[in-house]
């Protein structure tokens, strides 16, 4: 079967076809990783498997991570120039890690304004499993709500 599909898109369509016929990874074995698996193209993931790139220890001293720091700084600078923004934050490849990073930014923003008491995160019961976990890890108190209600504002005309 692999010889009949000559592009990543064809292969992904075939895998989706099989998924719809049978048990699949995103509905059984790897439920919390499914969003990342679906949103990141296989070609984006290849460099992460290279031993010289992916084998750095997470707690390596900064002095031993100069090459990594150079890549991150240059990429951030290039993206800032391309987009016209003053700065660019590089997020992890996983949606859950990006979610966590975003929550840390929100928490720091409140603390910088002297509003550290704003630490409650309302999360609908229908939310993905990583949402409450990310909020707790970021230091928020999680309150699960049964449903969300549309809030409308009346602006003066």
C-alpha atoms as a PDB file:
ATOM      1  CA  UNK A   1       0.000   0.000   0.000  1.00  0.00           C
ATOM      2  CA  UNK A   2       2.876   2.391   0.763  1.00  0.00           C
ATOM      3  CA  UNK A   3       4.063   2.209  -2.848  1.00  0.00           C
ATOM      4  CA  UNK A   4       0.741   3.555  -4.147  1.00  0.00           C
ATOM      5  CA  UNK A   5       0.822   6.808  -2.157  1.00  0.00           C
ATOM      6  CA  UNK A   6       3.458   9.220  -3.430  1.00  0.00           C
ATOM      7  CA  UNK A   7       2.836  12.277  -1.285  1.00  0.00           C
ATOM      8  CA  UNK A   8       2.356  13.054   2.368  1.00  0.00           C
ATOM      9  CA  UNK A   9      -1.200  14.218   1.651  1.00  0.00           C
ATOM     10  CA  UNK A  10      -2.121  10.950  -0.074  1.00  0.00           C
ATOM     11  CA  UNK A  11      -0.654   8.956   2.797  1.00  0.00           C
ATOM     12  CA  UNK A  12      -2.489  11.035   5.410  1.00  0.00           C
ATOM     13  CA  UNK A  13      -5.780  10.572   3.497  1.00  0.00           C
ATOM     14  CA  UNK A  14      -5.198   6.820   3.426  1.00  0.00           C
ATOM     15  CA  UNK A  15      -4.506   6.772   7.167  1.00  0.00           C
ATOM     16  CA  UNK A  16      -7.693   8.805   7.741  1.00  0.00           C
ATOM     17  CA  UNK A  17      -9.578   6.289   5.593  1.00  0.00           C
ATOM     18  CA  UNK A  18      -8.274   3.463   7.791  1.00  0.00           C
ATOM     19  CA  UNK A  19      -9.057   5.432  10.929  1.00  0.00           C
ATOM     20  CA  UNK A  20     -12.669   5.833   9.890  1.00  0.00           C
ATOM     21  CA  UNK A  21     -12.945   2.072   9.319  1.00  0.00           C
ATOM     22  CA  UNK A  22     -11.368   0.955  12.553  1.00  0.00           C
ATOM     23  CA  UNK A  23      -9.945   1.856  15.922  1.00  0.00           C
ATOM     24  CA  UNK A  24      -7.479   4.729  15.649  1.00  0.00           C
ATOM     25  CA  UNK A  25      -4.759   6.272  17.783  1.00  0.00           C
ATOM     26  CA  UNK A  26      -6.600   9.529  18.382  1.00  0.00           C
ATOM     27  CA  UNK A  27      -9.748   7.804  19.657  1.00  0.00           C
ATOM     28  CA  UNK A  28      -8.123   5.172  21.815  1.00  0.00           C
ATOM     29  CA  UNK A  29      -4.427   4.929  22.601  1.00  0.00           C
ATOM     30  CA  UNK A  30      -3.172   8.518  22.431  1.00  0.00           C
ATOM     31  CA  UNK A  31      -6.144  10.716  23.189  1.00  0.00           C
ATOM     32  CA  UNK A  32      -4.264  13.629  24.785  1.00  0.00           C
ATOM     33  CA  UNK A  33      -1.662  13.844  22.035  1.00  0.00           C
ATOM     34  CA  UNK A  34      -4.087  13.715  19.167  1.00  0.00           C
ATOM     35  CA  UNK A  35      -4.303  17.469  18.549  1.00  0.00           C
ATOM     36  CA  UNK A  36      -0.542  17.698  18.106  1.00  0.00           C
ATOM     37  CA  UNK A  37      -0.447  14.610  15.906  1.00  0.00           C
ATOM     38  CA  UNK A  38      -3.111  16.043  13.612  1.00  0.00           C
ATOM     39  CA  UNK A  39      -1.837  19.620  13.391  1.00  0.00           C
ATOM     40  CA  UNK A  40       1.869  19.077  12.813  1.00  0.00           C
ATOM     41  CA  UNK A  41       2.900  17.864   9.384  1.00  0.00           C
ATOM     42  CA  UNK A  42       5.194  14.858   9.301  1.00  0.00           C
ATOM     43  CA  UNK A  43       7.870  16.961   7.560  1.00  0.00           C
ATOM     44  CA  UNK A  44       7.917  19.366  10.543  1.00  0.00           C
ATOM     45  CA  UNK A  45       8.529  16.500  12.925  1.00  0.00           C
ATOM     46  CA  UNK A  46      11.484  14.899  11.105  1.00  0.00           C
ATOM     47  CA  UNK A  47      14.205  17.201  12.532  1.00  0.00           C
ATOM     48  CA  UNK A  48      13.000  16.419  16.045  1.00  0.00           C
ATOM     49  CA  UNK A  49      14.125  12.824  15.557  1.00  0.00           C
ATOM     50  CA  UNK A  50      17.715  13.742  14.601  1.00  0.00           C
ATOM     51  CA  UNK A  51      20.049  12.581  17.355  1.00  0.00           C
ATOM     52  CA  UNK A  52      22.274  15.677  17.174  1.00  0.00           C
ATOM     53  CA  UNK A  53      19.231  17.926  17.664  1.00  0.00           C
ATOM     54  CA  UNK A  54      16.915  16.028  20.003  1.00  0.00           C
ATOM     55  CA  UNK A  55      19.326  14.474  22.479  1.00  0.00           C
ATOM     56  CA  UNK A  56      20.227  17.598  24.462  1.00  0.00           C
ATOM     57  CA  UNK A  57      19.462  17.214  28.163  1.00  0.00           C
ATOM     58  CA  UNK A  58      16.615  19.476  29.323  1.00  0.00           C
ATOM     59  CA  UNK A  59      18.733  20.830  32.211  1.00  0.00           C
ATOM     60  CA  UNK A  60      21.961  21.391  30.282  1.00  0.00           C
ATOM     61  CA  UNK A  61      23.831  24.520  31.426  1.00  0.00           C
ATOM     62  CA  UNK A  62      23.259  27.517  29.131  1.00  0.00           C
ATOM     63  CA  UNK A  63      27.005  27.623  28.429  1.00  0.00           C
ATOM     64  CA  UNK A  64      26.673  24.227  26.715  1.00  0.00           C
ATOM     65  CA  UNK A  65      23.612  25.179  24.655  1.00  0.00           C
ATOM     66  CA  UNK A  66      25.120  28.015  22.608  1.00  0.00           C
ATOM     67  CA  UNK A  67      24.139  26.558  19.244  1.00  0.00           C
ATOM     68  CA  UNK A  68      20.552  26.056  20.332  1.00  0.00           C
ATOM     69  CA  UNK A  69      20.387  29.587  21.729  1.00  0.00           C
ATOM     70  CA  UNK A  70      21.759  31.002  18.467  1.00  0.00           C
ATOM     71  CA  UNK A  71      19.102  29.171  16.425  1.00  0.00           C
ATOM     72  CA  UNK A  72      16.296  30.330  18.721  1.00  0.00           C
ATOM     73  CA  UNK A  73      17.509  33.952  18.766  1.00  0.00           C
ATOM     74  CA  UNK A  74      18.004  34.100  14.990  1.00  0.00           C
ATOM     75  CA  UNK A  75      14.647  32.500  14.230  1.00  0.00           C
ATOM     76  CA  UNK A  76      12.879  34.858  16.617  1.00  0.00           C
ATOM     77  CA  UNK A  77      14.640  37.853  15.006  1.00  0.00           C
ATOM     78  CA  UNK A  78      13.790  36.691  11.470  1.00  0.00           C
ATOM     79  CA  UNK A  79      10.126  36.142  12.360  1.00  0.00           C
ATOM     80  CA  UNK A  80       9.957  39.582  13.981  1.00  0.00           C
ATOM     81  CA  UNK A  81      11.327  41.201  10.829  1.00  0.00           C
ATOM     82  CA  UNK A  82       8.973  39.229   8.577  1.00  0.00           C
ATOM     83  CA  UNK A  83       5.863  39.984  10.660  1.00  0.00           C
ATOM     84  CA  UNK A  84       6.768  43.539  11.641  1.00  0.00           C
ATOM     85  CA  UNK A  85       6.347  42.791  15.341  1.00  0.00           C
ATOM     86  CA  UNK A  86       8.823  44.078  17.926  1.00  0.00           C
ATOM     87  CA  UNK A  87       9.379  40.569  19.261  1.00  0.00           C
ATOM     88  CA  UNK A  88       8.371  36.987  18.624  1.00  0.00           C
ATOM     89  CA  UNK A  89       7.834  34.212  21.152  1.00  0.00           C
ATOM     90  CA  UNK A  90       8.692  30.744  19.886  1.00  0.00           C
ATOM     91  CA  UNK A  91       6.208  28.188  21.128  1.00  0.00           C
ATOM     92  CA  UNK A  92       6.772  24.461  21.568  1.00  0.00           C
ATOM     93  CA  UNK A  93       5.624  21.975  18.936  1.00  0.00           C
ATOM     94  CA  UNK A  94       2.887  20.646  21.217  1.00  0.00           C
ATOM     95  CA  UNK A  95      -0.389  22.477  21.621  1.00  0.00           C
ATOM     96  CA  UNK A  96      -0.448  21.629  25.329  1.00  0.00           C
ATOM     97  CA  UNK A  97       3.011  23.128  25.851  1.00  0.00           C
ATOM     98  CA  UNK A  98       2.021  26.250  23.919  1.00  0.00           C
ATOM     99  CA  UNK A  99      -1.139  26.483  26.007  1.00  0.00           C
ATOM    100  CA  UNK A 100       0.965  26.220  29.181  1.00  0.00           C
ATOM    101  CA  UNK A 101       3.403  28.883  27.937  1.00  0.00           C
ATOM    102  CA  UNK A 102       0.486  31.212  27.157  1.00  0.00           C
ATOM    103  CA  UNK A 103      -1.002  30.736  30.615  1.00  0.00           C
ATOM    104  CA  UNK A 104       2.358  31.560  32.200  1.00  0.00           C
ATOM    105  CA  UNK A 105       2.411  34.809  30.203  1.00  0.00           C
ATOM    106  CA  UNK A 106      -1.119  35.675  31.383  1.00  0.00           C
ATOM    107  CA  UNK A 107      -0.168  34.923  34.997  1.00  0.00           C
ATOM    108  CA  UNK A 108       2.974  37.073  34.766  1.00  0.00           C
ATOM    109  CA  UNK A 109       0.967  39.910  33.180  1.00  0.00           C
ATOM    110  CA  UNK A 110      -1.465  39.964  36.115  1.00  0.00           C
ATOM    111  CA  UNK A 111       1.393  39.806  38.627  1.00  0.00           C
ATOM    112  CA  UNK A 112       3.263  42.662  36.886  1.00  0.00           C
ATOM    113  CA  UNK A 113       0.197  44.869  37.383  1.00  0.00           C
ATOM    114  CA  UNK A 114      -0.164  43.958  41.046  1.00  0.00           C
ATOM    115  CA  UNK A 115      -3.153  41.738  40.254  1.00  0.00           C
ATOM    116  CA  UNK A 116      -1.711  38.371  41.255  1.00  0.00           C
ATOM    117  CA  UNK A 117      -4.998  37.628  43.015  1.00  0.00           C
ATOM    118  CA  UNK A 118      -6.536  37.096  39.548  1.00  0.00           C
ATOM    119  CA  UNK A 119      -5.681  33.416  39.632  1.00  0.00           C
ATOM    120  CA  UNK A 120      -8.928  31.594  38.822  1.00  0.00           C
ATOM    121  CA  UNK A 121      -9.303  29.897  35.448  1.00  0.00           C
ATOM    122  CA  UNK A 122     -12.840  29.005  34.309  1.00  0.00           C
ATOM    123  CA  UNK A 123     -12.754  25.912  32.117  1.00  0.00           C
ATOM    124  CA  UNK A 124     -15.827  24.346  30.497  1.00  0.00           C
ATOM    125  CA  UNK A 125     -16.459  20.707  31.314  1.00  0.00           C
ATOM    126  CA  UNK A 126     -16.205  19.967  27.580  1.00  0.00           C
ATOM    127  CA  UNK A 127     -12.605  21.224  27.412  1.00  0.00           C
ATOM    128  CA  UNK A 128      -9.753  19.005  26.270  1.00  0.00           C
ATOM    129  CA  UNK A 129      -7.995  17.135  29.071  1.00  0.00           C
ATOM    130  CA  UNK A 130      -4.835  19.220  28.872  1.00  0.00           C
ATOM    131  CA  UNK A 131      -6.663  22.500  29.588  1.00  0.00           C
ATOM    132  CA  UNK A 132      -7.180  22.013  33.332  1.00  0.00           C
ATOM    133  CA  UNK A 133      -3.792  20.351  33.724  1.00  0.00           C
ATOM    134  CA  UNK A 134      -2.029  23.273  32.028  1.00  0.00           C
ATOM    135  CA  UNK A 135      -3.889  25.789  34.192  1.00  0.00           C
ATOM    136  CA  UNK A 136      -2.945  23.972  37.410  1.00  0.00           C
ATOM    137  CA  UNK A 137       0.698  23.688  36.330  1.00  0.00           C
ATOM    138  CA  UNK A 138       0.735  27.434  35.598  1.00  0.00           C
ATOM    139  CA  UNK A 139      -0.467  28.146  39.141  1.00  0.00           C
ATOM    140  CA  UNK A 140      -4.138  28.886  38.514  1.00  0.00           C
ATOM    141  CA  UNK A 141      -7.067  27.627  40.554  1.00  0.00           C
ATOM    142  CA  UNK A 142      -9.330  25.717  38.150  1.00  0.00           C
ATOM    143  CA  UNK A 143     -13.088  26.042  38.308  1.00  0.00           C
ATOM    144  CA  UNK A 144     -14.947  23.697  35.977  1.00  0.00           C
ATOM    145  CA  UNK A 145     -18.151  25.169  34.578  1.00  0.00           C
ATOM    146  CA  UNK A 146     -20.969  23.075  33.136  1.00  0.00           C
ATOM    147  CA  UNK A 147     -21.571  25.347  30.173  1.00  0.00           C
ATOM    148  CA  UNK A 148     -20.490  28.647  28.786  1.00  0.00           C
ATOM    149  CA  UNK A 149     -22.981  31.440  28.307  1.00  0.00           C
ATOM    150  CA  UNK A 150     -22.773  34.067  25.609  1.00  0.00           C
ATOM    151  CA  UNK A 151     -22.079  37.444  27.196  1.00  0.00           C
ATOM    152  CA  UNK A 152     -23.151  40.449  25.199  1.00  0.00           C
ATOM    153  CA  UNK A 153     -22.336  44.062  25.829  1.00  0.00           C
ATOM    154  CA  UNK A 154     -24.343  47.103  24.931  1.00  0.00           C
ATOM    155  CA  UNK A 155     -22.019  49.818  23.734  1.00  0.00           C
ATOM    156  CA  UNK A 156     -23.177  53.422  23.902  1.00  0.00           C
ATOM    157  CA  UNK A 157     -23.930  54.810  20.463  1.00  0.00           C
END
